[in-house]
Amino acid sequence: MSDATEANGPANGPANGPAEGAGKAGRRVRVVLVDDHRMFRTGVQAEIGQTEQTGVEVVGEAADVDQAVSVITATRPEVVLLDVHLPGGGGVEVLRRCAPLMAGAEQPVRFLALSVSDAAEDVIGVIRGGARGYVTKTITGTDLVDSIFRVQEGDAVFSPRLAGFVLDAFASTDAPPVDEDLDRLTQREREVLRLIARGYAYKEIAKQLFISVKTVESHVSAVLRKLQLSNRHELTRWATARRLV
């Protein structure tokens, strides 16, 4: 999965047109969308929310942790599409606060992470938090609908190669080492750092993360300050040494 593909899909939801077929089989699933980018939520809603065709009924949306917990608690959906990086503590915090709903015996709320990030620490973090799967925003509408139904049924679903992160993490009984330098960075700063290290220009990063170029510059400045580095070349070396690229 190339990062160039990641950048092209999200603005209008998953690629390849409206998903069809699931609704014709008589299946139905109630879904909440949690993502801090309104344009992306609108695109996903347009892509998968045509209930008669897809079987997916979008019953709520949220843009941050507090909204997410409130909407999920009020609507009790069967599946939550959850972004990893959210204001208020991220997807892991939503999972923590919704743990009692996930444990419900009659109708558990299940979570499917849907994120632009394919970083191992993000994947492992939400799976440890209780999510049933993790797919990236390059996924097609048809595959996303299929993934939603599979998660509803209790299956685990992952984009290609991401399952390996989970298998490796849970195969080891050793706790991952703590990187104090990396822990100083916010989730958004880590995203920007990773894209800088991959050679993206500020405009490309802004487009991919749905933020302004000025905001990208601010994040880069914060990362340089926190890591006590001088320029993007040093950032790239730092990230490469930690296998963040």
Foldseek 3Di string as FASTA:
>chain_A
DDLVLLLPAQQQFADDAAAFDQLVVVAAFEEEEEAQDPSRVNNLCRRQCPCNGLNYHHPYYYRALVRLLVSCVVPVTLEYAAEQDGPPHGPLSNLQSCVVQQPDPPRRYAYEYEYQDLFLVSQQSVVVSGHQEYEYRNHHSNVVSVCRVCVSVPHRDYDPPSVVSNCVVVVDPDDDDDDVLVVVADPVLLLLLLVLLVPDDLVSSCSSVVHDSVVSVVSVVVSCVSNVHDDSVVSNVVCVVVVSD
